[in-house]
């Protein structure tokens, strides 16, 4: 990462660390005292506490850098989003897709662990049983959750796209231009394990408009460089998906063929114009949280300064 980006992001990074440590301490206390008594209560409290950390990143993207998101979806899906459990299946175009998973990994890692996120070894022999048991533990989760799975396994780069095209050619698959070949074991396991209590899977297509000066990455956010992404969301009922593992795998591959065509059309037109457009507005909650945490840290700093000065 460029040095100027690091320097510009020092205020955010320091406050993020401060918030992360505070969140972790609260999580530990709640885990030791509340989890043994009521797992559901712990999950509700933990979700509210963890949101403080997530909102700092939302503030960085929306208020600090001017990041803009436009969402194309139908009215029914828009009404259901955030009100139901769902599996999210996006394409992976940049490090900003998983921004929260690698900013200051130690603080975020503990937060993720307490939030029951799943950590994998990228070894299917080890990961399969871990995934199934983790999915089963979500069956009584008290609030709506989204389980995000990047089935491509890695973000899109020019070299990886060439490899995907070569593989597709050798297998007789359609040659992708904008996505990689999906790895289907994870999504198959997720659908089969979750479909009894997760009603929907959202096929999410992330597109980055041409001719904008900055590409959305952590560095551009830290350097206050505004950029935009356009997102297309199509909802599928998990009950309508194929019953067999092979059928789900083929359904996933078909969705990525369609996703590739959707992105090809976007590259030509600059829009997903077949669906109504819902524009996301900047989060007022993230601004309030950011200012509140900054004020708390400032009061703490001044208190220590005055204590040292007078005593």
C-alpha atoms as a PDB file:
ATOM      1  CA  UNK A   1       0.000   0.000   0.000  1.00  0.00           C
ATOM      2  CA  UNK A   2       1.268   3.494  -0.867  1.00  0.00           C
ATOM      3  CA  UNK A   3       2.726   5.447   2.029  1.00  0.00           C
ATOM      4  CA  UNK A   4       0.507   8.460   1.345  1.00  0.00           C
ATOM      5  CA  UNK A   5      -2.553   6.251   1.680  1.00  0.00           C
ATOM      6  CA  UNK A   6      -1.377   4.958   5.046  1.00  0.00           C
ATOM      7  CA  UNK A   7      -0.614   8.450   6.342  1.00  0.00           C
ATOM      8  CA  UNK A   8      -3.980   9.763   5.150  1.00  0.00           C
ATOM      9  CA  UNK A   9      -5.752   6.896   6.839  1.00  0.00           C
ATOM     10  CA  UNK A  10      -4.036   7.212  10.248  1.00  0.00           C
ATOM     11  CA  UNK A  11      -7.015   8.996  11.884  1.00  0.00           C
ATOM     12  CA  UNK A  12      -9.382   6.260  10.712  1.00  0.00           C
ATOM     13  CA  UNK A  13      -7.004   3.422  11.567  1.00  0.00           C
ATOM     14  CA  UNK A  14      -6.331   4.695  15.093  1.00  0.00           C
ATOM     15  CA  UNK A  15     -10.028   5.179  15.821  1.00  0.00           C
ATOM     16  CA  UNK A  16     -10.817   1.781  14.302  1.00  0.00           C
ATOM     17  CA  UNK A  17      -8.294   0.144  16.631  1.00  0.00           C
ATOM     18  CA  UNK A  18      -9.752   2.013  19.606  1.00  0.00           C
ATOM     19  CA  UNK A  19     -13.290   0.904  18.699  1.00  0.00           C
ATOM     20  CA  UNK A  20     -12.169  -2.642  17.925  1.00  0.00           C
ATOM     21  CA  UNK A  21     -10.510  -3.083  21.318  1.00  0.00           C
ATOM     22  CA  UNK A  22     -13.561  -1.654  23.067  1.00  0.00           C
ATOM     23  CA  UNK A  23     -15.896  -3.959  21.118  1.00  0.00           C
ATOM     24  CA  UNK A  24     -13.696  -6.989  21.834  1.00  0.00           C
ATOM     25  CA  UNK A  25     -13.690  -6.295  25.591  1.00  0.00           C
ATOM     26  CA  UNK A  26     -17.474  -6.007  25.648  1.00  0.00           C
ATOM     27  CA  UNK A  27     -17.791  -9.177  23.565  1.00  0.00           C
ATOM     28  CA  UNK A  28     -15.575 -11.127  25.949  1.00  0.00           C
ATOM     29  CA  UNK A  29     -17.614  -9.980  28.943  1.00  0.00           C
ATOM     30  CA  UNK A  30     -20.908 -10.861  27.262  1.00  0.00           C
ATOM     31  CA  UNK A  31     -19.602 -14.208  26.041  1.00  0.00           C
ATOM     32  CA  UNK A  32     -18.515 -15.227  29.536  1.00  0.00           C
ATOM     33  CA  UNK A  33     -21.628 -14.002  31.335  1.00  0.00           C
ATOM     34  CA  UNK A  34     -24.567 -14.069  28.912  1.00  0.00           C
ATOM     35  CA  UNK A  35     -23.799 -16.871  26.399  1.00  0.00           C
ATOM     36  CA  UNK A  36     -24.025 -19.672  29.028  1.00  0.00           C
ATOM     37  CA  UNK A  37     -27.431 -18.364  30.126  1.00  0.00           C
ATOM     38  CA  UNK A  38     -29.031 -17.343  26.810  1.00  0.00           C
ATOM     39  CA  UNK A  39     -27.397 -17.794  23.431  1.00  0.00           C
ATOM     40  CA  UNK A  40     -30.198 -15.829  21.753  1.00  0.00           C
ATOM     41  CA  UNK A  41     -29.754 -12.826  24.061  1.00  0.00           C
ATOM     42  CA  UNK A  42     -26.004 -12.878  23.522  1.00  0.00           C
ATOM     43  CA  UNK A  43     -26.481 -12.904  19.747  1.00  0.00           C
ATOM     44  CA  UNK A  44     -28.798  -9.896  19.873  1.00  0.00           C
ATOM     45  CA  UNK A  45     -26.481  -7.890  22.134  1.00  0.00           C
ATOM     46  CA  UNK A  46     -23.411  -8.939  20.172  1.00  0.00           C
ATOM     47  CA  UNK A  47     -25.016  -7.894  16.904  1.00  0.00           C
ATOM     48  CA  UNK A  48     -25.727  -4.418  18.239  1.00  0.00           C
ATOM     49  CA  UNK A  49     -22.198  -4.062  19.646  1.00  0.00           C
ATOM     50  CA  UNK A  50     -20.484  -5.366  16.515  1.00  0.00           C
ATOM     51  CA  UNK A  51     -22.444  -2.921  14.378  1.00  0.00           C
ATOM     52  CA  UNK A  52     -20.387  -0.111  15.935  1.00  0.00           C
ATOM     53  CA  UNK A  53     -17.280  -1.463  14.219  1.00  0.00           C
ATOM     54  CA  UNK A  54     -18.995  -2.062  10.886  1.00  0.00           C
ATOM     55  CA  UNK A  55     -20.429   1.469  10.875  1.00  0.00           C
ATOM     56  CA  UNK A  56     -16.913   2.907  11.138  1.00  0.00           C
ATOM     57  CA  UNK A  57     -16.083   1.279   7.820  1.00  0.00           C
ATOM     58  CA  UNK A  58     -19.375   2.451   6.325  1.00  0.00           C
ATOM     59  CA  UNK A  59     -18.429   5.982   7.413  1.00  0.00           C
ATOM     60  CA  UNK A  60     -15.007   5.627   5.781  1.00  0.00           C
ATOM     61  CA  UNK A  61     -16.532   4.549   2.482  1.00  0.00           C
ATOM     62  CA  UNK A  62     -19.523   6.879   2.311  1.00  0.00           C
ATOM     63  CA  UNK A  63     -18.598  10.039   4.231  1.00  0.00           C
ATOM     64  CA  UNK A  64     -14.794  10.116   4.071  1.00  0.00           C
ATOM     65  CA  UNK A  65     -14.256   8.961   0.488  1.00  0.00           C
ATOM     66  CA  UNK A  66     -17.624   9.726  -1.142  1.00  0.00           C
ATOM     67  CA  UNK A  67     -18.198   6.119  -2.227  1.00  0.00           C
ATOM     68  CA  UNK A  68     -21.496   5.758  -4.112  1.00  0.00           C
ATOM     69  CA  UNK A  69     -23.604   2.630  -4.550  1.00  0.00           C
ATOM     70  CA  UNK A  70     -26.523   2.202  -6.931  1.00  0.00           C
ATOM     71  CA  UNK A  71     -28.660  -0.906  -6.581  1.00  0.00           C
ATOM     72  CA  UNK A  72     -30.816  -2.369  -9.339  1.00  0.00           C
ATOM     73  CA  UNK A  73     -33.459  -4.802  -8.156  1.00  0.00           C
ATOM     74  CA  UNK A  74     -37.188  -5.397  -8.220  1.00  0.00           C
ATOM     75  CA  UNK A  75     -39.603  -3.933  -5.693  1.00  0.00           C
ATOM     76  CA  UNK A  76     -40.323  -7.248  -3.927  1.00  0.00           C
ATOM     77  CA  UNK A  77     -36.639  -8.009  -3.365  1.00  0.00           C
ATOM     78  CA  UNK A  78     -36.042  -4.470  -2.125  1.00  0.00           C
ATOM     79  CA  UNK A  79     -38.787  -4.894   0.473  1.00  0.00           C
ATOM     80  CA  UNK A  80     -37.411  -8.255   1.686  1.00  0.00           C
ATOM     81  CA  UNK A  81     -33.735  -7.283   1.916  1.00  0.00           C
ATOM     82  CA  UNK A  82     -32.649  -7.183   5.544  1.00  0.00           C
ATOM     83  CA  UNK A  83     -35.878  -8.781   6.735  1.00  0.00           C
ATOM     84  CA  UNK A  84     -35.051 -12.427   5.974  1.00  0.00           C
ATOM     85  CA  UNK A  85     -32.155 -14.858   6.233  1.00  0.00           C
ATOM     86  CA  UNK A  86     -30.368 -15.075   2.894  1.00  0.00           C
ATOM     87  CA  UNK A  87     -27.357 -16.538   1.111  1.00  0.00           C
ATOM     88  CA  UNK A  88     -25.480 -13.866  -0.859  1.00  0.00           C
ATOM     89  CA  UNK A  89     -23.650 -14.966  -4.022  1.00  0.00           C
ATOM     90  CA  UNK A  90     -21.665 -12.041  -5.499  1.00  0.00           C
ATOM     91  CA  UNK A  91     -18.910 -11.850  -8.057  1.00  0.00           C
ATOM     92  CA  UNK A  92     -15.563 -10.734  -6.652  1.00  0.00           C
ATOM     93  CA  UNK A  93     -14.040  -7.722  -8.416  1.00  0.00           C
ATOM     94  CA  UNK A  94     -11.838  -5.898  -5.892  1.00  0.00           C
ATOM     95  CA  UNK A  95     -10.497  -5.898  -2.342  1.00  0.00           C
ATOM     96  CA  UNK A  96     -13.302  -3.505  -1.411  1.00  0.00           C
ATOM     97  CA  UNK A  97     -15.726  -6.444  -1.710  1.00  0.00           C
ATOM     98  CA  UNK A  98     -14.252  -7.903   1.446  1.00  0.00           C
ATOM     99  CA  UNK A  99     -12.956  -4.703   3.025  1.00  0.00           C
ATOM    100  CA  UNK A 100     -14.077  -5.711   6.498  1.00  0.00           C
ATOM    101  CA  UNK A 101     -12.307  -9.056   6.416  1.00  0.00           C
ATOM    102  CA  UNK A 102      -8.759  -7.721   6.254  1.00  0.00           C
ATOM    103  CA  UNK A 103      -8.594  -4.268   7.853  1.00  0.00           C
ATOM    104  CA  UNK A 104      -6.451  -4.792  10.940  1.00  0.00           C
ATOM    105  CA  UNK A 105      -6.961  -8.563  10.914  1.00  0.00           C
ATOM    106  CA  UNK A 106      -6.344  -9.155  14.609  1.00  0.00           C
ATOM    107  CA  UNK A 107      -9.100  -6.856  15.892  1.00  0.00           C
ATOM    108  CA  UNK A 108     -11.528  -7.825  13.158  1.00  0.00           C
ATOM    109  CA  UNK A 109     -10.708 -11.503  13.545  1.00  0.00           C
ATOM    110  CA  UNK A 110     -11.791 -11.618  17.181  1.00  0.00           C
ATOM    111  CA  UNK A 111     -14.911  -9.639  16.336  1.00  0.00           C
ATOM    112  CA  UNK A 112     -15.737 -12.094  13.590  1.00  0.00           C
ATOM    113  CA  UNK A 113     -15.192 -15.068  15.906  1.00  0.00           C
ATOM    114  CA  UNK A 114     -17.642 -13.709  18.464  1.00  0.00           C
ATOM    115  CA  UNK A 115     -20.085 -12.994  15.608  1.00  0.00           C
ATOM    116  CA  UNK A 116     -19.908 -16.691  14.623  1.00  0.00           C
ATOM    117  CA  UNK A 117     -18.229 -16.082  11.284  1.00  0.00           C
ATOM    118  CA  UNK A 118     -16.720 -19.171   9.679  1.00  0.00           C
ATOM    119  CA  UNK A 119     -12.938 -19.413   9.232  1.00  0.00           C
ATOM    120  CA  UNK A 120     -11.765 -21.875   6.568  1.00  0.00           C
ATOM    121  CA  UNK A 121      -8.468 -23.603   5.791  1.00  0.00           C
ATOM    122  CA  UNK A 122      -9.101 -23.764   2.024  1.00  0.00           C
ATOM    123  CA  UNK A 123      -8.826 -27.511   2.366  1.00  0.00           C
ATOM    124  CA  UNK A 124     -12.142 -29.178   1.565  1.00  0.00           C
ATOM    125  CA  UNK A 125     -11.374 -32.275   3.650  1.00  0.00           C
ATOM    126  CA  UNK A 126     -11.146 -30.004   6.704  1.00  0.00           C
ATOM    127  CA  UNK A 127     -13.630 -27.332   5.686  1.00  0.00           C
ATOM    128  CA  UNK A 128     -16.638 -29.497   4.784  1.00  0.00           C
ATOM    129  CA  UNK A 129     -17.457 -30.660   8.312  1.00  0.00           C
ATOM    130  CA  UNK A 130     -16.668 -27.196   9.725  1.00  0.00           C
ATOM    131  CA  UNK A 131     -19.064 -25.576   7.273  1.00  0.00           C
ATOM    132  CA  UNK A 132     -21.888 -28.023   7.964  1.00  0.00           C
ATOM    133  CA  UNK A 133     -21.663 -27.693  11.743  1.00  0.00           C
ATOM    134  CA  UNK A 134     -21.404 -23.894  11.525  1.00  0.00           C
ATOM    135  CA  UNK A 135     -24.408 -23.703   9.221  1.00  0.00           C
ATOM    136  CA  UNK A 136     -26.466 -25.910  11.517  1.00  0.00           C
ATOM    137  CA  UNK A 137     -25.652 -23.642  14.468  1.00  0.00           C
ATOM    138  CA  UNK A 138     -27.392 -20.774  12.670  1.00  0.00           C
ATOM    139  CA  UNK A 139     -30.782 -22.493  12.615  1.00  0.00           C
ATOM    140  CA  UNK A 140     -31.993 -20.657  15.733  1.00  0.00           C
ATOM    141  CA  UNK A 141     -30.352 -17.297  14.975  1.00  0.00           C
ATOM    142  CA  UNK A 142     -32.757 -14.655  16.346  1.00  0.00           C
ATOM    143  CA  UNK A 143     -32.267 -11.891  13.749  1.00  0.00           C
ATOM    144  CA  UNK A 144     -32.000 -11.874   9.933  1.00  0.00           C
ATOM    145  CA  UNK A 145     -28.490 -12.704   8.669  1.00  0.00           C
ATOM    146  CA  UNK A 146     -26.753 -12.790   5.306  1.00  0.00           C
ATOM    147  CA  UNK A 147     -24.300 -15.595   4.545  1.00  0.00           C
ATOM    148  CA  UNK A 148     -21.947 -14.276   1.848  1.00  0.00           C
ATOM    149  CA  UNK A 149     -20.109 -16.793  -0.319  1.00  0.00           C
ATOM    150  CA  UNK A 150     -17.621 -15.728  -2.992  1.00  0.00           C
ATOM    151  CA  UNK A 151     -17.872 -18.844  -5.128  1.00  0.00           C
ATOM    152  CA  UNK A 152     -15.098 -17.721  -7.498  1.00  0.00           C
ATOM    153  CA  UNK A 153     -12.716 -18.223  -4.577  1.00  0.00           C
ATOM    154  CA  UNK A 154     -10.633 -15.129  -5.356  1.00  0.00           C
ATOM    155  CA  UNK A 155     -11.050 -11.686  -6.856  1.00  0.00           C
ATOM    156  CA  UNK A 156     -10.923 -11.074 -10.577  1.00  0.00           C
ATOM    157  CA  UNK A 157      -7.583 -10.121 -12.111  1.00  0.00           C
ATOM    158  CA  UNK A 158      -6.376 -10.170 -15.706  1.00  0.00           C
ATOM    159  CA  UNK A 159      -4.136 -13.195 -15.106  1.00  0.00           C
ATOM    160  CA  UNK A 160      -6.834 -15.155 -13.273  1.00  0.00           C
ATOM    161  CA  UNK A 161      -9.327 -14.394 -16.032  1.00  0.00           C
ATOM    162  CA  UNK A 162      -6.925 -15.829 -18.618  1.00  0.00           C
ATOM    163  CA  UNK A 163      -6.584 -18.978 -16.495  1.00  0.00           C
ATOM    164  CA  UNK A 164     -10.382 -19.227 -16.192  1.00  0.00           C
ATOM    165  CA  UNK A 165     -10.799 -18.824 -19.940  1.00  0.00           C
ATOM    166  CA  UNK A 166      -8.228 -21.541 -20.600  1.00  0.00           C
ATOM    167  CA  UNK A 167      -9.970 -23.885 -18.144  1.00  0.00           C
ATOM    168  CA  UNK A 168     -13.378 -23.159 -19.664  1.00  0.00           C
ATOM    169  CA  UNK A 169     -12.035 -23.883 -23.134  1.00  0.00           C
ATOM    170  CA  UNK A 170     -10.594 -27.232 -22.021  1.00  0.00           C
ATOM    171  CA  UNK A 171     -13.929 -28.243 -20.458  1.00  0.00           C
ATOM    172  CA  UNK A 172     -16.126 -26.993 -23.262  1.00  0.00           C
ATOM    173  CA  UNK A 173     -17.729 -24.326 -21.052  1.00  0.00           C
ATOM    174  CA  UNK A 174     -18.730 -20.875 -22.318  1.00  0.00           C
ATOM    175  CA  UNK A 175     -15.671 -18.593 -22.240  1.00  0.00           C
ATOM    176  CA  UNK A 176     -16.077 -15.964 -19.486  1.00  0.00           C
ATOM    177  CA  UNK A 177     -15.161 -12.335 -20.108  1.00  0.00           C
ATOM    178  CA  UNK A 178     -16.006 -10.717 -16.786  1.00  0.00           C
ATOM    179  CA  UNK A 179     -16.099 -13.462 -14.120  1.00  0.00           C
ATOM    180  CA  UNK A 180     -14.143 -16.517 -13.033  1.00  0.00           C
ATOM    181  CA  UNK A 181     -15.333 -20.137 -13.044  1.00  0.00           C
ATOM    182  CA  UNK A 182     -17.299 -20.750  -9.822  1.00  0.00           C
ATOM    183  CA  UNK A 183     -16.098 -23.358  -7.330  1.00  0.00           C
ATOM    184  CA  UNK A 184     -19.371 -24.971  -6.360  1.00  0.00           C
ATOM    185  CA  UNK A 185     -18.662 -27.162  -3.314  1.00  0.00           C
ATOM    186  CA  UNK A 186     -19.159 -24.344  -0.815  1.00  0.00           C
ATOM    187  CA  UNK A 187     -22.415 -23.061  -2.296  1.00  0.00           C
ATOM    188  CA  UNK A 188     -23.783 -26.602  -2.613  1.00  0.00           C
ATOM    189  CA  UNK A 189     -23.057 -27.278   1.066  1.00  0.00           C
ATOM    190  CA  UNK A 190     -24.565 -23.925   2.058  1.00  0.00           C
ATOM    191  CA  UNK A 191     -27.790 -24.470   0.131  1.00  0.00           C
ATOM    192  CA  UNK A 192     -28.256 -28.043   1.347  1.00  0.00           C
ATOM    193  CA  UNK A 193     -27.510 -27.102   4.965  1.00  0.00           C
ATOM    194  CA  UNK A 194     -29.431 -23.828   5.130  1.00  0.00           C
ATOM    195  CA  UNK A 195     -32.419 -24.218   2.833  1.00  0.00           C
ATOM    196  CA  UNK A 196     -34.696 -25.507   5.611  1.00  0.00           C
ATOM    197  CA  UNK A 197     -34.545 -22.139   7.418  1.00  0.00           C
ATOM    198  CA  UNK A 198     -33.007 -19.708   4.903  1.00  0.00           C
ATOM    199  CA  UNK A 199     -35.669 -18.787   2.337  1.00  0.00           C
ATOM    200  CA  UNK A 200     -33.633 -16.929  -0.252  1.00  0.00           C
ATOM    201  CA  UNK A 201     -30.409 -16.713  -2.196  1.00  0.00           C
ATOM    202  CA  UNK A 202     -29.476 -13.325  -3.662  1.00  0.00           C
ATOM    203  CA  UNK A 203     -27.530 -13.457  -6.902  1.00  0.00           C
ATOM    204  CA  UNK A 204     -25.493 -10.242  -6.626  1.00  0.00           C
ATOM    205  CA  UNK A 205     -23.646  -8.786  -9.597  1.00  0.00           C
ATOM    206  CA  UNK A 206     -21.144  -6.013  -8.860  1.00  0.00           C
ATOM    207  CA  UNK A 207     -20.175  -3.758 -11.755  1.00  0.00           C
ATOM    208  CA  UNK A 208     -17.652  -0.925 -11.804  1.00  0.00           C
ATOM    209  CA  UNK A 209     -18.476   1.825 -14.325  1.00  0.00           C
ATOM    210  CA  UNK A 210     -15.898   2.675 -16.949  1.00  0.00           C
ATOM    211  CA  UNK A 211     -14.341   6.104 -17.252  1.00  0.00           C
ATOM    212  CA  UNK A 212     -14.324   6.907 -13.538  1.00  0.00           C
ATOM    213  CA  UNK A 213     -10.953   8.154 -12.282  1.00  0.00           C
ATOM    214  CA  UNK A 214     -10.636   5.789  -9.303  1.00  0.00           C
ATOM    215  CA  UNK A 215     -11.124   2.051  -8.810  1.00  0.00           C
ATOM    216  CA  UNK A 216     -12.790   1.093  -5.491  1.00  0.00           C
ATOM    217  CA  UNK A 217     -10.115  -0.257  -3.142  1.00  0.00           C
ATOM    218  CA  UNK A 218      -9.128   0.287   0.479  1.00  0.00           C
ATOM    219  CA  UNK A 219      -6.417   2.664  -0.712  1.00  0.00           C
ATOM    220  CA  UNK A 220      -8.826   4.874  -2.656  1.00  0.00           C
ATOM    221  CA  UNK A 221     -11.136   5.027   0.376  1.00  0.00           C
ATOM    222  CA  UNK A 222      -8.310   6.080   2.682  1.00  0.00           C
ATOM    223  CA  UNK A 223      -7.125   8.704   0.168  1.00  0.00           C
ATOM    224  CA  UNK A 224     -10.631  10.250  -0.097  1.00  0.00           C
ATOM    225  CA  UNK A 225     -10.920   9.354  -3.778  1.00  0.00           C
ATOM    226  CA  UNK A 226     -14.629   9.068  -4.686  1.00  0.00           C
ATOM    227  CA  UNK A 227     -15.826   6.207  -6.849  1.00  0.00           C
ATOM    228  CA  UNK A 228     -19.007   4.337  -7.667  1.00  0.00           C
ATOM    229  CA  UNK A 229     -20.218   0.768  -8.073  1.00  0.00           C
ATOM    230  CA  UNK A 230     -23.481  -0.473  -9.522  1.00  0.00           C
ATOM    231  CA  UNK A 231     -25.073  -3.590  -8.054  1.00  0.00           C
ATOM    232  CA  UNK A 232     -27.709  -5.863  -9.566  1.00  0.00           C
ATOM    233  CA  UNK A 233     -29.615  -8.201  -7.230  1.00  0.00           C
ATOM    234  CA  UNK A 234     -31.900 -11.055  -8.238  1.00  0.00           C
ATOM    235  CA  UNK A 235     -33.647 -13.093  -5.559  1.00  0.00           C
ATOM    236  CA  UNK A 236     -34.208 -16.860  -5.826  1.00  0.00           C
ATOM    237  CA  UNK A 237     -36.184 -18.983  -3.409  1.00  0.00           C
ATOM    238  CA  UNK A 238     -34.054 -21.785  -1.973  1.00  0.00           C
ATOM    239  CA  UNK A 239     -37.097 -24.074  -2.181  1.00  0.00           C
ATOM    240  CA  UNK A 240     -37.092 -23.680  -5.969  1.00  0.00           C
ATOM    241  CA  UNK A 241     -33.444 -24.696  -6.364  1.00  0.00           C
ATOM    242  CA  UNK A 242     -32.587 -28.256  -7.507  1.00  0.00           C
ATOM    243  CA  UNK A 243     -32.589 -30.956  -4.835  1.00  0.00           C
ATOM    244  CA  UNK A 244     -29.378 -32.756  -5.826  1.00  0.00           C
ATOM    245  CA  UNK A 245     -25.812 -31.562  -5.265  1.00  0.00           C
ATOM    246  CA  UNK A 246     -25.123 -31.818  -8.993  1.00  0.00           C
ATOM    247  CA  UNK A 247     -28.218 -29.800  -9.790  1.00  0.00           C
ATOM    248  CA  UNK A 248     -27.251 -26.981  -7.403  1.00  0.00           C
ATOM    249  CA  UNK A 249     -23.719 -26.931  -8.807  1.00  0.00           C
ATOM    250  CA  UNK A 250     -25.048 -26.612 -12.348  1.00  0.00           C
ATOM    251  CA  UNK A 251     -27.501 -23.921 -11.238  1.00  0.00           C
ATOM    252  CA  UNK A 252     -24.578 -21.947  -9.808  1.00  0.00           C
ATOM    253  CA  UNK A 253     -22.565 -22.308 -13.020  1.00  0.00           C
ATOM    254  CA  UNK A 254     -25.579 -21.172 -15.037  1.00  0.00           C
ATOM    255  CA  UNK A 255     -25.972 -18.119 -12.826  1.00  0.00           C
ATOM    256  CA  UNK A 256     -22.370 -17.125 -13.491  1.00  0.00           C
ATOM    257  CA  UNK A 257     -22.855 -17.558 -17.229  1.00  0.00           C
ATOM    258  CA  UNK A 258     -25.848 -15.218 -16.937  1.00  0.00           C
ATOM    259  CA  UNK A 259     -23.842 -12.895 -14.654  1.00  0.00           C
ATOM    260  CA  UNK A 260     -21.107 -12.692 -17.291  1.00  0.00           C
ATOM    261  CA  UNK A 261     -23.667 -11.738 -19.941  1.00  0.00           C
ATOM    262  CA  UNK A 262     -25.182  -9.170 -17.583  1.00  0.00           C
ATOM    263  CA  UNK A 263     -21.761  -7.584 -17.025  1.00  0.00           C
ATOM    264  CA  UNK A 264     -21.052  -7.624 -20.761  1.00  0.00           C
ATOM    265  CA  UNK A 265     -24.279  -5.712 -21.347  1.00  0.00           C
ATOM    266  CA  UNK A 266     -23.391  -3.303 -18.539  1.00  0.00           C
ATOM    267  CA  UNK A 267     -20.015  -2.625 -20.155  1.00  0.00           C
ATOM    268  CA  UNK A 268     -21.822  -1.654 -23.355  1.00  0.00           C
ATOM    269  CA  UNK A 269     -24.650   0.392 -21.840  1.00  0.00           C
ATOM    270  CA  UNK A 270     -23.371   1.520 -18.420  1.00  0.00           C
ATOM    271  CA  UNK A 271     -26.509   0.380 -16.623  1.00  0.00           C
ATOM    272  CA  UNK A 272     -28.717  -2.513 -15.575  1.00  0.00           C
ATOM    273  CA  UNK A 273     -31.782  -0.936 -17.092  1.00  0.00           C
ATOM    274  CA  UNK A 274     -34.160  -3.895 -17.011  1.00  0.00           C
ATOM    275  CA  UNK A 275     -34.855  -3.490 -13.283  1.00  0.00           C
ATOM    276  CA  UNK A 276     -36.063  -0.537 -11.254  1.00  0.00           C
ATOM    277  CA  UNK A 277     -33.295   1.395  -9.556  1.00  0.00           C
ATOM    278  CA  UNK A 278     -32.987   1.945  -5.824  1.00  0.00           C
ATOM    279  CA  UNK A 279     -30.327   4.434  -4.760  1.00  0.00           C
ATOM    280  CA  UNK A 280     -28.633   3.937  -1.412  1.00  0.00           C
ATOM    281  CA  UNK A 281     -28.261   7.112   0.618  1.00  0.00           C
ATOM    282  CA  UNK A 282     -25.348   7.759   2.930  1.00  0.00           C
ATOM    283  CA  UNK A 283     -25.878   6.260   6.370  1.00  0.00           C
ATOM    284  CA  UNK A 284     -26.718   8.873   8.997  1.00  0.00           C
ATOM    285  CA  UNK A 285     -26.226   6.222  11.672  1.00  0.00           C
ATOM    286  CA  UNK A 286     -22.580   5.702  10.643  1.00  0.00           C
ATOM    287  CA  UNK A 287     -21.932   9.451  10.909  1.00  0.00           C
ATOM    288  CA  UNK A 288     -23.482   9.621  14.390  1.00  0.00           C
ATOM    289  CA  UNK A 289     -21.473   6.610  15.588  1.00  0.00           C
ATOM    290  CA  UNK A 290     -18.253   8.014  14.142  1.00  0.00           C
ATOM    291  CA  UNK A 291     -18.721  11.388  15.824  1.00  0.00           C
ATOM    292  CA  UNK A 292     -19.729   9.768  19.124  1.00  0.00           C
ATOM    293  CA  UNK A 293     -16.677   7.490  19.188  1.00  0.00           C
ATOM    294  CA  UNK A 294     -14.387  10.376  18.231  1.00  0.00           C
ATOM    295  CA  UNK A 295     -15.868  12.458  21.060  1.00  0.00           C
ATOM    296  CA  UNK A 296     -15.386   9.575  23.522  1.00  0.00           C
ATOM    297  CA  UNK A 297     -11.749   9.167  22.516  1.00  0.00           C
ATOM    298  CA  UNK A 298     -11.169  12.914  22.730  1.00  0.00           C
ATOM    299  CA  UNK A 299     -12.653  13.056  26.241  1.00  0.00           C
ATOM    300  CA  UNK A 300     -10.483  10.087  27.269  1.00  0.00           C
ATOM    301  CA  UNK A 301      -7.357  11.763  25.891  1.00  0.00           C
ATOM    302  CA  UNK A 302      -8.123  15.085  27.591  1.00  0.00           C
ATOM    303  CA  UNK A 303      -8.885  13.366  30.909  1.00  0.00           C
ATOM    304  CA  UNK A 304      -5.520  11.589  30.872  1.00  0.00           C
ATOM    305  CA  UNK A 305      -3.760  14.805  29.898  1.00  0.00           C
ATOM    306  CA  UNK A 306      -5.370  16.789  32.734  1.00  0.00           C
ATOM    307  CA  UNK A 307      -4.700  13.980  35.225  1.00  0.00           C
ATOM    308  CA  UNK A 308      -1.007  13.967  34.327  1.00  0.00           C
ATOM    309  CA  UNK A 309      -0.884  17.762  34.392  1.00  0.00           C
ATOM    310  CA  UNK A 310      -2.473  18.222  37.821  1.00  0.00           C
ATOM    311  CA  UNK A 311      -1.385  15.045  39.591  1.00  0.00           C
END
